[in-house]
């Protein structure tokens, strides 16, 4: 099973996704914004194999968080999935060209979540 970093500012959504992922056998660390995500990455051992992040968050949003991850040599190869209520946002297309591995449109089903784990 995968080691996953989940970054989502909505507490209920974060806890629900984390519970589902852990129920599926994954190890999950979670944060509420990009800054917390970077802090977790800096101290994580082992590094996560997958990052699932919300796009719109207070403080450091998912776009800036993604850019910081991709600009850091040690983290640049970690698979990165962006959750967004607006999956047709032009910024997501630009991010896909910069190494974004996938988009998880909100709301999503358990099947959609499971599909990104493969």
C-alpha atoms as a PDB file:
ATOM      1  CA  UNK A   1       0.000   0.000   0.000  1.00  0.00           C
ATOM      2  CA  UNK A   2       1.044   3.607  -0.563  1.00  0.00           C
ATOM      3  CA  UNK A   3       2.439   6.248   1.746  1.00  0.00           C
ATOM      4  CA  UNK A   4       0.267   9.320   1.009  1.00  0.00           C
ATOM      5  CA  UNK A   5       0.376  13.006   1.936  1.00  0.00           C
ATOM      6  CA  UNK A   6      -3.115  14.548   1.951  1.00  0.00           C
ATOM      7  CA  UNK A   7      -3.447  18.347   2.040  1.00  0.00           C
ATOM      8  CA  UNK A   8      -7.005  19.688   2.421  1.00  0.00           C
ATOM      9  CA  UNK A   9      -8.240  22.703   4.394  1.00  0.00           C
ATOM     10  CA  UNK A  10     -11.778  21.416   4.995  1.00  0.00           C
ATOM     11  CA  UNK A  11     -11.522  19.370   8.189  1.00  0.00           C
ATOM     12  CA  UNK A  12     -14.504  17.111   7.479  1.00  0.00           C
ATOM     13  CA  UNK A  13     -13.304  16.382   3.935  1.00  0.00           C
ATOM     14  CA  UNK A  14      -9.721  15.775   5.092  1.00  0.00           C
ATOM     15  CA  UNK A  15     -10.768  13.370   7.840  1.00  0.00           C
ATOM     16  CA  UNK A  16     -13.151  11.499   5.544  1.00  0.00           C
ATOM     17  CA  UNK A  17     -10.574  11.058   2.779  1.00  0.00           C
ATOM     18  CA  UNK A  18      -7.908  10.067   5.297  1.00  0.00           C
ATOM     19  CA  UNK A  19     -10.226   7.490   6.875  1.00  0.00           C
ATOM     20  CA  UNK A  20     -11.091   5.992   3.485  1.00  0.00           C
ATOM     21  CA  UNK A  21      -7.417   5.819   2.471  1.00  0.00           C
ATOM     22  CA  UNK A  22      -6.380   4.257   5.776  1.00  0.00           C
ATOM     23  CA  UNK A  23      -9.265   1.789   5.554  1.00  0.00           C
ATOM     24  CA  UNK A  24      -7.765   0.805   2.196  1.00  0.00           C
ATOM     25  CA  UNK A  25      -4.457   0.046   3.909  1.00  0.00           C
ATOM     26  CA  UNK A  26      -2.577   3.234   3.033  1.00  0.00           C
ATOM     27  CA  UNK A  27      -0.429   5.209   5.430  1.00  0.00           C
ATOM     28  CA  UNK A  28      -1.604   8.837   5.442  1.00  0.00           C
ATOM     29  CA  UNK A  29      -0.128  12.055   6.796  1.00  0.00           C
ATOM     30  CA  UNK A  30      -2.300  15.137   6.417  1.00  0.00           C
ATOM     31  CA  UNK A  31      -2.104  18.897   6.568  1.00  0.00           C
ATOM     32  CA  UNK A  32      -4.475  21.849   6.204  1.00  0.00           C
ATOM     33  CA  UNK A  33      -2.533  24.001   3.711  1.00  0.00           C
ATOM     34  CA  UNK A  34       0.520  23.982   1.484  1.00  0.00           C
ATOM     35  CA  UNK A  35       2.746  25.293   4.258  1.00  0.00           C
ATOM     36  CA  UNK A  36       1.825  22.338   6.465  1.00  0.00           C
ATOM     37  CA  UNK A  37       2.345  20.042   3.491  1.00  0.00           C
ATOM     38  CA  UNK A  38       5.890  21.360   3.016  1.00  0.00           C
ATOM     39  CA  UNK A  39       6.602  20.946   6.732  1.00  0.00           C
ATOM     40  CA  UNK A  40       5.425  17.337   6.595  1.00  0.00           C
ATOM     41  CA  UNK A  41       7.539  16.656   3.495  1.00  0.00           C
ATOM     42  CA  UNK A  42      10.610  18.171   5.148  1.00  0.00           C
ATOM     43  CA  UNK A  43      10.378  15.756   8.071  1.00  0.00           C
ATOM     44  CA  UNK A  44       8.815  12.695   6.419  1.00  0.00           C
ATOM     45  CA  UNK A  45      10.709   9.446   6.466  1.00  0.00           C
ATOM     46  CA  UNK A  46      10.082   7.739   4.198  1.00  0.00           C
ATOM     47  CA  UNK A  47       8.890  10.305   1.674  1.00  0.00           C
ATOM     48  CA  UNK A  48       5.328   9.853   0.428  1.00  0.00           C
ATOM     49  CA  UNK A  49       4.756   8.128  -2.879  1.00  0.00           C
ATOM     50  CA  UNK A  50       1.699  10.265  -3.613  1.00  0.00           C
ATOM     51  CA  UNK A  51       0.489  13.760  -2.718  1.00  0.00           C
ATOM     52  CA  UNK A  52      -3.225  14.545  -2.938  1.00  0.00           C
ATOM     53  CA  UNK A  53      -3.858  18.256  -2.487  1.00  0.00           C
ATOM     54  CA  UNK A  54      -6.787  20.605  -2.684  1.00  0.00           C
ATOM     55  CA  UNK A  55      -6.276  23.498  -5.067  1.00  0.00           C
ATOM     56  CA  UNK A  56      -8.028  26.289  -3.178  1.00  0.00           C
ATOM     57  CA  UNK A  57      -6.799  26.668   0.391  1.00  0.00           C
ATOM     58  CA  UNK A  58      -6.084  29.633   2.659  1.00  0.00           C
ATOM     59  CA  UNK A  59      -2.455  30.513   3.212  1.00  0.00           C
ATOM     60  CA  UNK A  60      -0.411  28.561   0.684  1.00  0.00           C
ATOM     61  CA  UNK A  61      -2.818  27.244  -1.939  1.00  0.00           C
ATOM     62  CA  UNK A  62      -2.419  24.005  -3.865  1.00  0.00           C
ATOM     63  CA  UNK A  63      -0.907  25.717  -6.905  1.00  0.00           C
ATOM     64  CA  UNK A  64       1.943  27.260  -4.933  1.00  0.00           C
ATOM     65  CA  UNK A  65       2.373  24.041  -2.962  1.00  0.00           C
ATOM     66  CA  UNK A  66       2.640  22.069  -6.231  1.00  0.00           C
ATOM     67  CA  UNK A  67       5.244  24.513  -7.573  1.00  0.00           C
ATOM     68  CA  UNK A  68       7.286  24.259  -4.373  1.00  0.00           C
ATOM     69  CA  UNK A  69       7.197  20.456  -4.503  1.00  0.00           C
ATOM     70  CA  UNK A  70       8.208  20.325  -8.167  1.00  0.00           C
ATOM     71  CA  UNK A  71      11.046  22.823  -7.594  1.00  0.00           C
ATOM     72  CA  UNK A  72      12.541  20.728  -4.781  1.00  0.00           C
ATOM     73  CA  UNK A  73      14.899  18.064  -6.145  1.00  0.00           C
ATOM     74  CA  UNK A  74      14.120  15.511  -3.447  1.00  0.00           C
ATOM     75  CA  UNK A  75      10.342  15.781  -3.949  1.00  0.00           C
ATOM     76  CA  UNK A  76      10.026  16.473  -7.677  1.00  0.00           C
ATOM     77  CA  UNK A  77       9.295  12.848  -8.629  1.00  0.00           C
ATOM     78  CA  UNK A  78       6.472  12.310  -6.103  1.00  0.00           C
ATOM     79  CA  UNK A  79       3.153  11.706  -7.880  1.00  0.00           C
ATOM     80  CA  UNK A  80       0.912  14.736  -7.359  1.00  0.00           C
ATOM     81  CA  UNK A  81      -2.884  14.747  -7.719  1.00  0.00           C
ATOM     82  CA  UNK A  82      -4.836  18.012  -7.442  1.00  0.00           C
ATOM     83  CA  UNK A  83      -8.411  18.080  -6.138  1.00  0.00           C
ATOM     84  CA  UNK A  84     -10.548  20.894  -7.517  1.00  0.00           C
ATOM     85  CA  UNK A  85     -14.175  21.927  -7.613  1.00  0.00           C
ATOM     86  CA  UNK A  86     -13.315  23.552 -10.963  1.00  0.00           C
ATOM     87  CA  UNK A  87     -11.455  20.857 -12.931  1.00  0.00           C
ATOM     88  CA  UNK A  88     -11.556  23.013 -16.079  1.00  0.00           C
ATOM     89  CA  UNK A  89      -9.494  25.826 -14.546  1.00  0.00           C
ATOM     90  CA  UNK A  90      -6.820  26.893 -17.070  1.00  0.00           C
ATOM     91  CA  UNK A  91      -4.182  26.776 -14.339  1.00  0.00           C
ATOM     92  CA  UNK A  92      -4.642  23.013 -14.048  1.00  0.00           C
ATOM     93  CA  UNK A  93      -3.750  22.579 -17.721  1.00  0.00           C
ATOM     94  CA  UNK A  94      -0.545  24.565 -17.181  1.00  0.00           C
ATOM     95  CA  UNK A  95       0.231  22.481 -14.106  1.00  0.00           C
ATOM     96  CA  UNK A  96      -0.305  19.284 -16.117  1.00  0.00           C
ATOM     97  CA  UNK A  97       2.370  20.499 -18.497  1.00  0.00           C
ATOM     98  CA  UNK A  98       4.651  21.009 -15.479  1.00  0.00           C
ATOM     99  CA  UNK A  99       4.267  17.504 -14.087  1.00  0.00           C
ATOM    100  CA  UNK A 100       0.868  17.374 -12.402  1.00  0.00           C
ATOM    101  CA  UNK A 101      -0.049  13.696 -12.482  1.00  0.00           C
ATOM    102  CA  UNK A 102      -3.812  13.998 -12.308  1.00  0.00           C
ATOM    103  CA  UNK A 103      -6.909  15.951 -11.364  1.00  0.00           C
ATOM    104  CA  UNK A 104      -9.576  14.690  -8.987  1.00  0.00           C
ATOM    105  CA  UNK A 105     -12.760  16.727  -9.574  1.00  0.00           C
ATOM    106  CA  UNK A 106     -14.805  17.578  -6.494  1.00  0.00           C
ATOM    107  CA  UNK A 107     -17.179  16.107  -5.624  1.00  0.00           C
ATOM    108  CA  UNK A 108     -15.804  12.653  -6.316  1.00  0.00           C
ATOM    109  CA  UNK A 109     -16.863   9.094  -5.623  1.00  0.00           C
ATOM    110  CA  UNK A 110     -14.945   6.388  -3.801  1.00  0.00           C
ATOM    111  CA  UNK A 111     -14.378   4.807  -7.202  1.00  0.00           C
ATOM    112  CA  UNK A 112     -12.782   8.040  -8.467  1.00  0.00           C
ATOM    113  CA  UNK A 113     -10.508   8.148  -5.421  1.00  0.00           C
ATOM    114  CA  UNK A 114      -9.587   4.503  -5.868  1.00  0.00           C
ATOM    115  CA  UNK A 115      -8.774   5.074  -9.555  1.00  0.00           C
ATOM    116  CA  UNK A 116      -6.096   7.697  -8.772  1.00  0.00           C
ATOM    117  CA  UNK A 117      -4.323   5.251  -6.490  1.00  0.00           C
ATOM    118  CA  UNK A 118      -3.538   2.913  -9.388  1.00  0.00           C
END
